[in-house]
Amino acid sequence: MKKNMKVIIPVAGAGTRLWPHTFTVPKSLICVAGKPILSHILDPLIGLKPEEIVFVIGHLGEQIVDFVRKNYALKSRFVEQSDLLGLGFAVHLALEKMDSGPVMVILGDTIARMNFEQFISNSGNTIGLKEVKDPRRFGVAVVDDEKVLALQEKPEHPKSNLAVVGVYYFEDSDVLKKHLDKVIILGKKTGGEIQLTDALEYMIRDGHAFKPVLVDGWYDCGKRETLLETNRILLSESSEVSNYPGSVIVPPVYIAPRAVVEESIIGPYVSIADNAKIHRSIIKDSIICDGASIEYSLLDESIIGQKAVVRGTYSRLNVGELSDIGYF
């Protein structure tokens, strides 16, 4: 464990690629494999006993405040980001009132399965990386001899296939703050935003080394297709099967304790949240959110939002909160 370590989790983004769900629910509170994305991020951190977790909130941020305070006995602080100027600016806001010391930064829209204790145990700065087929969508690291030589933010012509997964450890938060200040003072923007990657590149040029750590599991939750893919993978790892008389359950699935399933076929790859009700339906490869109601329907590759109602349809749906879809 690192003494006095703090954690920064930016969760201010509007999540436009997950509309209509993020009209009414922050992206980090959308459920995948039985619990909100944010819980997948926070649960592995409890054993690290961080001194403080700073959440950078924005769109529907009060829901994140309520969720964290209700479900986690962690010392938490919430910083509002009213101007969405990029990840670098979000981290900058979190650092403004933070004492010097070690800090870990974890993005609030991706799930990383890794040994966090080992990740922070190295002396020096550490950055999580993952080999990807198309690195142009991500920050990219150029690595040689266990050392990060350079970083690129969403390059047209990547110099490597090692994507930055959004998990960072810094030995000294003051050094990070100094280089983020430099990015802001210089007015440097990449893709129209203040990027954390640019501050890290300045740190490398100033002699602050980063140790690369390859991450085994890295799951993107940023858009509908990747959210469903993440749901499949996580269910395959930890799915539990319960008996529902009158229904057929095809694993892997997750059905919350307070969900109701009647005369239905569920699975494979279905996550059903608390208070959802499924009646005489066939559902596979889908995420059903809290309080949703589905009757006489056949759904595949669908995301059904909180308290949405679906009746009598055979579709691939992406239905937001309180929607009412019926074909009677």
C-alpha atoms as a PDB file:
ATOM      1  CA  MET A   1       0.000   0.000   0.000  1.00  0.00           C
ATOM      2  CA  LYS A   2       1.121   3.525  -0.705  1.00  0.00           C
ATOM      3  CA  LYS A   3       0.876   5.832   2.275  1.00  0.00           C
ATOM      4  CA  ASN A   4      -1.304   8.913   1.706  1.00  0.00           C
ATOM      5  CA  MET A   5      -2.191   7.859  -1.842  1.00  0.00           C
ATOM      6  CA  LYS A   6      -5.152   9.619  -3.406  1.00  0.00           C
ATOM      7  CA  VAL A   7      -7.227   8.633  -6.423  1.00  0.00           C
ATOM      8  CA  ILE A   8      -8.775  10.846  -9.109  1.00  0.00           C
ATOM      9  CA  ILE A   9     -11.727   9.520 -11.125  1.00  0.00           C
ATOM     10  CA  PRO A  10     -13.023  11.863 -13.875  1.00  0.00           C
ATOM     11  CA  VAL A  11     -16.739  11.193 -14.506  1.00  0.00           C
ATOM     12  CA  ALA A  12     -17.894  14.525 -15.937  1.00  0.00           C
ATOM     13  CA  GLY A  13     -18.445  13.514 -19.566  1.00  0.00           C
ATOM     14  CA  ALA A  14     -21.924  13.764 -21.095  1.00  0.00           C
ATOM     15  CA  GLY A  15     -21.625  10.312 -22.696  1.00  0.00           C
ATOM     16  CA  THR A  16     -23.153  11.381 -26.004  1.00  0.00           C
ATOM     17  CA  ARG A  17     -22.242   8.077 -27.670  1.00  0.00           C
ATOM     18  CA  LEU A  18     -24.573   6.323 -25.230  1.00  0.00           C
ATOM     19  CA  TRP A  19     -27.641   8.448 -25.853  1.00  0.00           C
ATOM     20  CA  PRO A  20     -30.527   8.104 -25.031  1.00  0.00           C
ATOM     21  CA  HIS A  21     -29.446   6.450 -21.755  1.00  0.00           C
ATOM     22  CA  THR A  22     -27.169   9.296 -20.708  1.00  0.00           C
ATOM     23  CA  PHE A  23     -29.937  11.883 -21.041  1.00  0.00           C
ATOM     24  CA  THR A  24     -31.045  10.872 -17.556  1.00  0.00           C
ATOM     25  CA  VAL A  25     -28.231   8.721 -16.097  1.00  0.00           C
ATOM     26  CA  PRO A  26     -24.492   9.499 -15.955  1.00  0.00           C
ATOM     27  CA  LYS A  27     -22.465   7.160 -18.147  1.00  0.00           C
ATOM     28  CA  SER A  28     -20.555   5.775 -15.166  1.00  0.00           C
ATOM     29  CA  LEU A  29     -23.830   4.637 -13.513  1.00  0.00           C
ATOM     30  CA  ILE A  30     -25.061   2.584 -16.466  1.00  0.00           C
ATOM     31  CA  CYS A  31     -25.128  -1.083 -15.470  1.00  0.00           C
ATOM     32  CA  VAL A  32     -22.978  -3.736 -17.081  1.00  0.00           C
ATOM     33  CA  ALA A  33     -22.735  -7.358 -15.888  1.00  0.00           C
ATOM     34  CA  GLY A  34     -24.925  -6.692 -12.896  1.00  0.00           C
ATOM     35  CA  LYS A  35     -23.604  -3.443 -11.457  1.00  0.00           C
ATOM     36  CA  PRO A  36     -22.814   0.144 -12.486  1.00  0.00           C
ATOM     37  CA  ILE A  37     -19.605   0.831 -14.389  1.00  0.00           C
ATOM     38  CA  LEU A  38     -18.449   2.947 -11.440  1.00  0.00           C
ATOM     39  CA  SER A  39     -18.752  -0.020  -9.070  1.00  0.00           C
ATOM     40  CA  HIS A  40     -16.530  -2.113 -11.348  1.00  0.00           C
ATOM     41  CA  ILE A  41     -13.969   0.699 -11.000  1.00  0.00           C
ATOM     42  CA  LEU A  42     -14.316   1.366  -7.262  1.00  0.00           C
ATOM     43  CA  ASP A  43     -14.577  -2.163  -5.851  1.00  0.00           C
ATOM     44  CA  PRO A  44     -10.938  -3.138  -6.618  1.00  0.00           C
ATOM     45  CA  LEU A  45      -9.712   0.093  -4.989  1.00  0.00           C
ATOM     46  CA  ILE A  46     -11.160  -0.600  -1.537  1.00  0.00           C
ATOM     47  CA  GLY A  47      -8.267  -2.873  -0.578  1.00  0.00           C
ATOM     48  CA  LEU A  48      -5.765  -0.140  -1.456  1.00  0.00           C
ATOM     49  CA  LYS A  49      -7.218   2.035   1.330  1.00  0.00           C
ATOM     50  CA  PRO A  50      -6.724   5.343  -0.500  1.00  0.00           C
ATOM     51  CA  GLU A  51      -6.586   8.424   1.668  1.00  0.00           C
ATOM     52  CA  GLU A  52      -9.126  10.148  -0.562  1.00  0.00           C
ATOM     53  CA  ILE A  53     -10.958   9.620  -3.841  1.00  0.00           C
ATOM     54  CA  VAL A  54     -11.700  12.748  -5.847  1.00  0.00           C
ATOM     55  CA  PHE A  55     -14.530  12.501  -8.367  1.00  0.00           C
ATOM     56  CA  VAL A  56     -14.625  15.122 -11.108  1.00  0.00           C
ATOM     57  CA  ILE A  57     -18.338  15.411 -11.862  1.00  0.00           C
ATOM     58  CA  GLY A  58     -20.407  17.295 -14.398  1.00  0.00           C
ATOM     59  CA  HIS A  59     -23.453  16.031 -16.302  1.00  0.00           C
ATOM     60  CA  LEU A  60     -25.984  14.696 -13.729  1.00  0.00           C
ATOM     61  CA  GLY A  61     -23.208  14.750 -11.165  1.00  0.00           C
ATOM     62  CA  GLU A  62     -25.587  14.786  -8.187  1.00  0.00           C
ATOM     63  CA  GLN A  63     -26.502  11.183  -9.040  1.00  0.00           C
ATOM     64  CA  ILE A  64     -22.850  10.169  -8.708  1.00  0.00           C
ATOM     65  CA  VAL A  65     -22.580  11.963  -5.349  1.00  0.00           C
ATOM     66  CA  ASP A  66     -25.679  10.148  -4.063  1.00  0.00           C
ATOM     67  CA  PHE A  67     -24.511   6.772  -5.385  1.00  0.00           C
ATOM     68  CA  VAL A  68     -21.031   6.975  -3.844  1.00  0.00           C
ATOM     69  CA  ARG A  69     -22.246   8.221  -0.466  1.00  0.00           C
ATOM     70  CA  LYS A  70     -24.947   5.558  -0.296  1.00  0.00           C
ATOM     71  CA  ASN A  71     -22.800   2.589  -1.326  1.00  0.00           C
ATOM     72  CA  TYR A  72     -19.177   3.299  -0.279  1.00  0.00           C
ATOM     73  CA  ALA A  73     -17.590   4.175   3.056  1.00  0.00           C
ATOM     74  CA  LEU A  74     -14.684   5.874   1.339  1.00  0.00           C
ATOM     75  CA  LYS A  75     -13.425   9.372   2.030  1.00  0.00           C
ATOM     76  CA  SER A  76     -14.640  11.156  -1.074  1.00  0.00           C
ATOM     77  CA  ARG A  77     -14.509  14.643  -2.495  1.00  0.00           C
ATOM     78  CA  PHE A  78     -16.454  15.922  -5.477  1.00  0.00           C
ATOM     79  CA  VAL A  79     -15.175  18.614  -7.843  1.00  0.00           C
ATOM     80  CA  GLU A  80     -17.497  20.042 -10.475  1.00  0.00           C
ATOM     81  CA  GLN A  81     -16.236  20.503 -14.025  1.00  0.00           C
ATOM     82  CA  SER A  82     -18.595  23.003 -15.655  1.00  0.00           C
ATOM     83  CA  ASP A  83     -16.486  23.412 -18.804  1.00  0.00           C
ATOM     84  CA  LEU A  84     -15.771  20.137 -20.592  1.00  0.00           C
ATOM     85  CA  LEU A  85     -12.310  21.097 -21.802  1.00  0.00           C
ATOM     86  CA  GLY A  86     -10.810  17.598 -21.790  1.00  0.00           C
ATOM     87  CA  LEU A  87      -9.316  14.995 -19.475  1.00  0.00           C
ATOM     88  CA  GLY A  88      -6.251  17.104 -18.716  1.00  0.00           C
ATOM     89  CA  PHE A  89      -8.432  19.948 -17.469  1.00  0.00           C
ATOM     90  CA  ALA A  90     -10.505  17.538 -15.345  1.00  0.00           C
ATOM     91  CA  VAL A  91      -7.390  16.194 -13.605  1.00  0.00           C
ATOM     92  CA  HIS A  92      -6.107  19.752 -13.203  1.00  0.00           C
ATOM     93  CA  LEU A  93      -9.302  20.685 -11.303  1.00  0.00           C
ATOM     94  CA  ALA A  94      -8.949  17.676  -9.010  1.00  0.00           C
ATOM     95  CA  LEU A  95      -5.342  18.585  -8.176  1.00  0.00           C
ATOM     96  CA  GLU A  96      -6.044  22.227  -7.275  1.00  0.00           C
ATOM     97  CA  LYS A  97      -6.738  21.561  -3.569  1.00  0.00           C
ATOM     98  CA  MET A  98      -4.756  18.346  -3.236  1.00  0.00           C
ATOM     99  CA  ASP A  99      -1.667  18.029  -1.037  1.00  0.00           C
ATOM    100  CA  SER A 100       1.499  16.664  -2.583  1.00  0.00           C
ATOM    101  CA  GLY A 101       1.980  12.923  -2.612  1.00  0.00           C
ATOM    102  CA  PRO A 102       1.234   9.851  -4.687  1.00  0.00           C
ATOM    103  CA  VAL A 103      -1.901   9.871  -6.832  1.00  0.00           C
ATOM    104  CA  MET A 104      -3.594   7.400  -9.123  1.00  0.00           C
ATOM    105  CA  VAL A 105      -5.842   8.505 -12.001  1.00  0.00           C
ATOM    106  CA  ILE A 106      -8.496   6.136 -13.358  1.00  0.00           C
ATOM    107  CA  LEU A 107     -10.919   7.063 -16.130  1.00  0.00           C
ATOM    108  CA  GLY A 108     -14.578   6.670 -15.275  1.00  0.00           C
ATOM    109  CA  ASP A 109     -15.735   5.022 -18.508  1.00  0.00           C
ATOM    110  CA  THR A 110     -13.444   2.022 -18.804  1.00  0.00           C
ATOM    111  CA  ILE A 111     -13.025  -1.084 -16.667  1.00  0.00           C
ATOM    112  CA  ALA A 112      -9.502  -2.394 -16.094  1.00  0.00           C
ATOM    113  CA  ARG A 113      -8.937  -5.864 -14.644  1.00  0.00           C
ATOM    114  CA  MET A 114      -5.456  -5.790 -13.167  1.00  0.00           C
ATOM    115  CA  ASN A 115      -3.432  -6.162  -9.984  1.00  0.00           C
ATOM    116  CA  PHE A 116      -3.678  -2.610  -8.648  1.00  0.00           C
ATOM    117  CA  GLU A 117      -1.424  -3.323  -5.662  1.00  0.00           C
ATOM    118  CA  GLN A 118       1.338  -4.400  -8.007  1.00  0.00           C
ATOM    119  CA  PHE A 119       0.637  -1.460 -10.312  1.00  0.00           C
ATOM    120  CA  ILE A 120       1.334   1.092  -7.574  1.00  0.00           C
ATOM    121  CA  SER A 121       4.112  -0.864  -5.859  1.00  0.00           C
ATOM    122  CA  ASN A 122       6.825   0.174  -8.328  1.00  0.00           C
ATOM    123  CA  SER A 123       8.950   3.180  -7.508  1.00  0.00           C
ATOM    124  CA  GLY A 124       8.348   5.947  -9.999  1.00  0.00           C
ATOM    125  CA  ASN A 125       5.480   6.766 -12.331  1.00  0.00           C
ATOM    126  CA  THR A 126       3.475   3.977 -13.983  1.00  0.00           C
ATOM    127  CA  ILE A 127       1.112   3.870 -16.946  1.00  0.00           C
ATOM    128  CA  GLY A 128      -1.263   1.082 -18.004  1.00  0.00           C
ATOM    129  CA  LEU A 129      -1.082  -0.070 -21.641  1.00  0.00           C
ATOM    130  CA  LYS A 130      -2.859  -2.603 -23.844  1.00  0.00           C
ATOM    131  CA  GLU A 131      -2.116  -3.877 -27.340  1.00  0.00           C
ATOM    132  CA  VAL A 132      -4.948  -2.981 -29.745  1.00  0.00           C
ATOM    133  CA  LYS A 133      -5.612  -3.547 -33.439  1.00  0.00           C
ATOM    134  CA  ASP A 134      -6.416   0.098 -34.249  1.00  0.00           C
ATOM    135  CA  PRO A 135      -4.627   2.504 -31.883  1.00  0.00           C
ATOM    136  CA  ARG A 136      -5.781   5.653 -33.711  1.00  0.00           C
ATOM    137  CA  ARG A 137      -8.763   6.034 -31.325  1.00  0.00           C
ATOM    138  CA  PHE A 138      -6.537   6.190 -28.246  1.00  0.00           C
ATOM    139  CA  GLY A 139      -3.508   7.721 -26.666  1.00  0.00           C
ATOM    140  CA  VAL A 140      -0.514   5.669 -27.808  1.00  0.00           C
ATOM    141  CA  ALA A 141       2.773   4.916 -26.036  1.00  0.00           C
ATOM    142  CA  VAL A 142       6.138   4.322 -27.674  1.00  0.00           C
ATOM    143  CA  VAL A 143       8.054   1.909 -25.443  1.00  0.00           C
ATOM    144  CA  ASP A 144      11.604   0.615 -25.403  1.00  0.00           C
ATOM    145  CA  ASP A 145      13.517  -1.291 -22.750  1.00  0.00           C
ATOM    146  CA  GLU A 146      10.759  -1.063 -20.096  1.00  0.00           C
ATOM    147  CA  LYS A 147      10.536   2.687 -20.510  1.00  0.00           C
ATOM    148  CA  VAL A 148       7.976   4.969 -22.153  1.00  0.00           C
ATOM    149  CA  LEU A 149       9.843   7.090 -24.679  1.00  0.00           C
ATOM    150  CA  ALA A 150       6.938   9.161 -26.018  1.00  0.00           C
ATOM    151  CA  LEU A 151       3.151   9.506 -26.046  1.00  0.00           C
ATOM    152  CA  GLN A 152       0.769  10.401 -28.866  1.00  0.00           C
ATOM    153  CA  GLU A 153      -2.887  11.416 -28.518  1.00  0.00           C
ATOM    154  CA  LYS A 154      -5.157   9.758 -31.126  1.00  0.00           C
ATOM    155  CA  PRO A 155      -2.491   9.842 -33.860  1.00  0.00           C
ATOM    156  CA  GLU A 156      -3.331   9.431 -37.547  1.00  0.00           C
ATOM    157  CA  HIS A 157      -0.113   7.459 -37.969  1.00  0.00           C
ATOM    158  CA  PRO A 158       0.571   5.612 -34.678  1.00  0.00           C
ATOM    159  CA  LYS A 159       4.148   4.721 -33.830  1.00  0.00           C
ATOM    160  CA  SER A 160       3.009   1.658 -31.857  1.00  0.00           C
ATOM    161  CA  ASN A 161      -0.066  -0.431 -31.126  1.00  0.00           C
ATOM    162  CA  LEU A 162       0.110   0.119 -27.358  1.00  0.00           C
ATOM    163  CA  ALA A 163      -2.967   2.068 -26.271  1.00  0.00           C
ATOM    164  CA  VAL A 164      -3.085   4.042 -23.028  1.00  0.00           C
ATOM    165  CA  VAL A 165      -5.908   2.418 -21.073  1.00  0.00           C
ATOM    166  CA  GLY A 166      -6.659   5.264 -18.676  1.00  0.00           C
ATOM    167  CA  VAL A 167      -4.934   4.018 -15.507  1.00  0.00           C
ATOM    168  CA  TYR A 168      -1.979   6.077 -14.271  1.00  0.00           C
ATOM    169  CA  TYR A 169       0.129   6.273 -11.121  1.00  0.00           C
ATOM    170  CA  PHE A 170       2.205   9.343 -10.242  1.00  0.00           C
ATOM    171  CA  GLU A 171       4.721   9.410  -7.403  1.00  0.00           C
ATOM    172  CA  ASP A 172       4.299  13.148  -6.862  1.00  0.00           C
ATOM    173  CA  SER A 173       1.052  14.954  -7.642  1.00  0.00           C
ATOM    174  CA  ASP A 174       2.882  18.296  -7.597  1.00  0.00           C
ATOM    175  CA  VAL A 175       4.969  17.260 -10.612  1.00  0.00           C
ATOM    176  CA  LEU A 176       1.833  16.294 -12.528  1.00  0.00           C
ATOM    177  CA  LYS A 177       0.145  19.559 -11.545  1.00  0.00           C
ATOM    178  CA  LYS A 178       3.157  21.578 -12.709  1.00  0.00           C
ATOM    179  CA  HIS A 179       3.068  20.024 -16.168  1.00  0.00           C
ATOM    180  CA  LEU A 180      -0.710  20.315 -16.509  1.00  0.00           C
ATOM    181  CA  ASP A 181      -0.334  24.003 -15.624  1.00  0.00           C
ATOM    182  CA  LYS A 182       2.216  24.249 -18.423  1.00  0.00           C
ATOM    183  CA  VAL A 183      -0.229  22.762 -20.945  1.00  0.00           C
ATOM    184  CA  ILE A 184      -2.945  25.202 -19.867  1.00  0.00           C
ATOM    185  CA  ILE A 185      -0.667  28.272 -19.799  1.00  0.00           C
ATOM    186  CA  LEU A 186       0.668  27.465 -23.274  1.00  0.00           C
ATOM    187  CA  GLY A 187      -2.887  26.981 -24.520  1.00  0.00           C
ATOM    188  CA  LYS A 188      -1.938  23.632 -26.012  1.00  0.00           C
ATOM    189  CA  LYS A 189      -4.937  21.621 -27.186  1.00  0.00           C
ATOM    190  CA  THR A 190      -5.162  18.360 -29.077  1.00  0.00           C
ATOM    191  CA  GLY A 191      -8.461  17.623 -30.753  1.00  0.00           C
ATOM    192  CA  GLY A 192      -9.773  20.877 -29.297  1.00  0.00           C
ATOM    193  CA  GLU A 193      -9.211  19.730 -25.706  1.00  0.00           C
ATOM    194  CA  ILE A 194      -6.632  19.944 -22.929  1.00  0.00           C
ATOM    195  CA  GLN A 195      -5.193  16.452 -22.900  1.00  0.00           C
ATOM    196  CA  LEU A 196      -3.559  14.605 -20.016  1.00  0.00           C
ATOM    197  CA  THR A 197      -1.360  12.877 -22.616  1.00  0.00           C
ATOM    198  CA  ASP A 198       0.258  16.208 -23.534  1.00  0.00           C
ATOM    199  CA  ALA A 199       1.161  16.881 -19.887  1.00  0.00           C
ATOM    200  CA  LEU A 200       2.676  13.405 -19.628  1.00  0.00           C
ATOM    201  CA  GLU A 201       4.694  14.025 -22.787  1.00  0.00           C
ATOM    202  CA  TYR A 202       6.114  17.191 -21.199  1.00  0.00           C
ATOM    203  CA  MET A 203       6.980  15.184 -18.077  1.00  0.00           C
ATOM    204  CA  ILE A 204       8.874  12.631 -20.161  1.00  0.00           C
ATOM    205  CA  ARG A 205      10.795  15.396 -21.952  1.00  0.00           C
ATOM    206  CA  ASP A 206      11.727  16.862 -18.544  1.00  0.00           C
ATOM    207  CA  GLY A 207      13.191  13.551 -17.433  1.00  0.00           C
ATOM    208  CA  HIS A 208      10.305  12.063 -15.435  1.00  0.00           C
ATOM    209  CA  ALA A 209      10.288   8.407 -16.435  1.00  0.00           C
ATOM    210  CA  PHE A 210       7.183   6.219 -16.810  1.00  0.00           C
ATOM    211  CA  LYS A 211       7.221   2.461 -16.393  1.00  0.00           C
ATOM    212  CA  PRO A 212       4.832   0.705 -18.824  1.00  0.00           C
ATOM    213  CA  VAL A 213       2.570  -2.020 -17.415  1.00  0.00           C
ATOM    214  CA  LEU A 214       0.563  -4.236 -19.769  1.00  0.00           C
ATOM    215  CA  VAL A 215      -3.031  -4.659 -18.588  1.00  0.00           C
ATOM    216  CA  ASP A 216      -4.663  -8.061 -19.045  1.00  0.00           C
ATOM    217  CA  GLY A 217      -8.271  -6.938 -19.175  1.00  0.00           C
ATOM    218  CA  TRP A 218      -9.396  -3.566 -20.463  1.00  0.00           C
ATOM    219  CA  TYR A 219     -13.041  -3.075 -21.300  1.00  0.00           C
ATOM    220  CA  ASP A 220     -14.448  -0.030 -23.051  1.00  0.00           C
ATOM    221  CA  CYS A 221     -17.901   1.185 -21.974  1.00  0.00           C
ATOM    222  CA  GLY A 222     -18.020   4.286 -24.148  1.00  0.00           C
ATOM    223  CA  LYS A 223     -20.618   3.283 -26.755  1.00  0.00           C
ATOM    224  CA  ARG A 224     -23.445   0.808 -27.243  1.00  0.00           C
ATOM    225  CA  GLU A 225     -21.466  -1.831 -29.149  1.00  0.00           C
ATOM    226  CA  THR A 226     -18.525  -1.885 -26.743  1.00  0.00           C
ATOM    227  CA  LEU A 227     -20.837  -1.818 -23.697  1.00  0.00           C
ATOM    228  CA  LEU A 228     -22.557  -4.984 -24.915  1.00  0.00           C
ATOM    229  CA  GLU A 229     -19.180  -6.567 -25.650  1.00  0.00           C
ATOM    230  CA  THR A 230     -17.966  -5.726 -22.149  1.00  0.00           C
ATOM    231  CA  ASN A 231     -21.171  -7.209 -20.725  1.00  0.00           C
ATOM    232  CA  ARG A 232     -20.448 -10.486 -22.556  1.00  0.00           C
ATOM    233  CA  ILE A 233     -16.870 -10.698 -21.313  1.00  0.00           C
ATOM    234  CA  LEU A 234     -17.605  -9.875 -17.675  1.00  0.00           C
ATOM    235  CA  LEU A 235     -20.572 -12.226 -17.513  1.00  0.00           C
ATOM    236  CA  SER A 236     -18.365 -15.025 -18.842  1.00  0.00           C
ATOM    237  CA  GLU A 237     -15.943 -14.391 -15.972  1.00  0.00           C
ATOM    238  CA  SER A 238     -18.324 -14.258 -13.025  1.00  0.00           C
ATOM    239  CA  SER A 239     -21.850 -15.252 -13.990  1.00  0.00           C
ATOM    240  CA  GLU A 240     -24.070 -16.999 -11.421  1.00  0.00           C
ATOM    241  CA  VAL A 241     -27.101 -19.051 -12.422  1.00  0.00           C
ATOM    242  CA  SER A 242     -30.257 -19.185 -10.298  1.00  0.00           C
ATOM    243  CA  ASN A 243     -33.363 -21.273 -10.777  1.00  0.00           C
ATOM    244  CA  TYR A 244     -36.472 -19.475 -11.995  1.00  0.00           C
ATOM    245  CA  PRO A 245     -39.408 -21.927 -12.158  1.00  0.00           C
ATOM    246  CA  GLY A 246     -41.260 -21.698 -15.451  1.00  0.00           C
ATOM    247  CA  SER A 247     -38.329 -20.010 -17.181  1.00  0.00           C
ATOM    248  CA  VAL A 248     -35.205 -21.202 -18.990  1.00  0.00           C
ATOM    249  CA  ILE A 249     -31.897 -19.575 -18.042  1.00  0.00           C
ATOM    250  CA  VAL A 250     -29.044 -20.005 -20.531  1.00  0.00           C
ATOM    251  CA  PRO A 251     -25.744 -18.945 -18.935  1.00  0.00           C
ATOM    252  CA  PRO A 252     -23.837 -16.779 -18.673  1.00  0.00           C
ATOM    253  CA  VAL A 253     -26.353 -14.352 -17.210  1.00  0.00           C
ATOM    254  CA  TYR A 254     -26.764 -12.068 -14.218  1.00  0.00           C
ATOM    255  CA  ILE A 255     -30.214 -11.582 -12.696  1.00  0.00           C
ATOM    256  CA  ALA A 256     -30.379  -9.219  -9.729  1.00  0.00           C
ATOM    257  CA  PRO A 257     -32.023 -10.495  -6.516  1.00  0.00           C
ATOM    258  CA  ARG A 258     -34.956  -8.080  -6.801  1.00  0.00           C
ATOM    259  CA  ALA A 259     -35.646  -8.726 -10.485  1.00  0.00           C
ATOM    260  CA  VAL A 260     -38.703 -10.747 -11.560  1.00  0.00           C
ATOM    261  CA  VAL A 261     -38.498 -13.280 -14.396  1.00  0.00           C
ATOM    262  CA  GLU A 262     -41.676 -15.107 -15.441  1.00  0.00           C
ATOM    263  CA  GLU A 263     -42.195 -17.684 -18.210  1.00  0.00           C
ATOM    264  CA  SER A 264     -39.212 -16.435 -20.209  1.00  0.00           C
ATOM    265  CA  ILE A 265     -36.024 -17.588 -21.867  1.00  0.00           C
ATOM    266  CA  ILE A 266     -33.045 -15.544 -20.674  1.00  0.00           C
ATOM    267  CA  GLY A 267     -29.534 -15.777 -22.104  1.00  0.00           C
ATOM    268  CA  PRO A 268     -26.879 -16.160 -23.016  1.00  0.00           C
ATOM    269  CA  TYR A 269     -25.132 -12.875 -22.137  1.00  0.00           C
ATOM    270  CA  VAL A 270     -27.982 -11.068 -20.404  1.00  0.00           C
ATOM    271  CA  SER A 271     -27.681  -8.722 -17.429  1.00  0.00           C
ATOM    272  CA  ILE A 272     -30.911  -7.837 -15.613  1.00  0.00           C
ATOM    273  CA  ALA A 273     -30.829  -5.181 -12.883  1.00  0.00           C
ATOM    274  CA  ASP A 274     -32.891  -4.875  -9.709  1.00  0.00           C
ATOM    275  CA  ASN A 275     -36.623  -4.149  -9.955  1.00  0.00           C
ATOM    276  CA  ALA A 276     -36.761  -5.159 -13.626  1.00  0.00           C
ATOM    277  CA  LYS A 277     -39.673  -7.404 -14.641  1.00  0.00           C
ATOM    278  CA  ILE A 278     -39.509  -9.850 -17.542  1.00  0.00           C
ATOM    279  CA  HIS A 279     -42.726 -11.637 -18.567  1.00  0.00           C
ATOM    280  CA  ARG A 280     -43.147 -14.159 -21.383  1.00  0.00           C
ATOM    281  CA  SER A 281     -40.144 -12.889 -23.330  1.00  0.00           C
ATOM    282  CA  ILE A 282     -36.992 -14.203 -24.968  1.00  0.00           C
ATOM    283  CA  ILE A 283     -33.888 -12.099 -24.318  1.00  0.00           C
ATOM    284  CA  LYS A 284     -30.271 -12.689 -25.299  1.00  0.00           C
ATOM    285  CA  ASP A 285     -27.107 -10.588 -25.497  1.00  0.00           C
ATOM    286  CA  SER A 286     -28.725  -7.608 -23.767  1.00  0.00           C
ATOM    287  CA  ILE A 287     -28.577  -5.275 -20.774  1.00  0.00           C
ATOM    288  CA  ILE A 288     -31.819  -4.604 -18.908  1.00  0.00           C
ATOM    289  CA  CYS A 289     -31.558  -1.670 -16.499  1.00  0.00           C
ATOM    290  CA  ASP A 290     -33.180  -0.986 -13.141  1.00  0.00           C
ATOM    291  CA  GLY A 291     -36.968  -0.986 -13.114  1.00  0.00           C
ATOM    292  CA  ALA A 292     -37.446  -1.852 -16.786  1.00  0.00           C
ATOM    293  CA  SER A 293     -40.511  -3.878 -17.795  1.00  0.00           C
ATOM    294  CA  ILE A 294     -40.493  -6.241 -20.778  1.00  0.00           C
ATOM    295  CA  GLU A 295     -43.514  -8.280 -21.872  1.00  0.00           C
ATOM    296  CA  TYR A 296     -44.199 -10.584 -24.826  1.00  0.00           C
ATOM    297  CA  SER A 297     -40.981  -9.525 -26.540  1.00  0.00           C
ATOM    298  CA  LEU A 298     -37.965 -11.035 -28.240  1.00  0.00           C
ATOM    299  CA  LEU A 299     -34.841  -8.937 -27.751  1.00  0.00           C
ATOM    300  CA  ASP A 300     -31.293  -9.369 -29.032  1.00  0.00           C
ATOM    301  CA  GLU A 301     -28.269  -7.037 -28.691  1.00  0.00           C
ATOM    302  CA  SER A 302     -30.422  -4.503 -26.842  1.00  0.00           C
ATOM    303  CA  ILE A 303     -29.982  -2.004 -24.016  1.00  0.00           C
ATOM    304  CA  ILE A 304     -33.195  -1.171 -22.170  1.00  0.00           C
ATOM    305  CA  GLY A 305     -32.970   1.874 -19.922  1.00  0.00           C
ATOM    306  CA  GLN A 306     -34.213   2.506 -16.402  1.00  0.00           C
ATOM    307  CA  LYS A 307     -37.994   2.119 -16.000  1.00  0.00           C
ATOM    308  CA  ALA A 308     -38.471   1.697 -19.751  1.00  0.00           C
ATOM    309  CA  VAL A 309     -41.448  -0.404 -20.878  1.00  0.00           C
ATOM    310  CA  VAL A 310     -41.238  -2.733 -23.880  1.00  0.00           C
ATOM    311  CA  ARG A 311     -44.233  -4.772 -25.051  1.00  0.00           C
ATOM    312  CA  GLY A 312     -44.680  -7.124 -27.972  1.00  0.00           C
ATOM    313  CA  THR A 313     -41.658  -6.512 -30.175  1.00  0.00           C
ATOM    314  CA  TYR A 314     -38.881  -8.403 -31.929  1.00  0.00           C
ATOM    315  CA  SER A 315     -36.044  -5.925 -32.193  1.00  0.00           C
ATOM    316  CA  ARG A 316     -32.581  -4.738 -31.383  1.00  0.00           C
ATOM    317  CA  LEU A 317     -33.408  -1.810 -29.151  1.00  0.00           C
ATOM    318  CA  ASN A 318     -31.518   1.039 -27.537  1.00  0.00           C
ATOM    319  CA  VAL A 319     -34.232   2.402 -25.281  1.00  0.00           C
ATOM    320  CA  GLY A 320     -33.717   5.168 -22.724  1.00  0.00           C
ATOM    321  CA  GLU A 321     -35.250   5.762 -19.333  1.00  0.00           C
ATOM    322  CA  LEU A 322     -39.057   5.825 -19.031  1.00  0.00           C
ATOM    323  CA  SER A 323     -39.582   4.991 -22.716  1.00  0.00           C
ATOM    324  CA  ASP A 324     -42.713   3.021 -23.594  1.00  0.00           C
ATOM    325  CA  ILE A 325     -42.408   0.787 -26.655  1.00  0.00           C
ATOM    326  CA  GLY A 326     -45.434  -1.312 -27.546  1.00  0.00           C
ATOM    327  CA  TYR A 327     -46.927  -3.074 -30.540  1.00  0.00           C
ATOM    328  CA  PHE A 328     -50.355  -4.099 -29.287  1.00  0.00           C
END
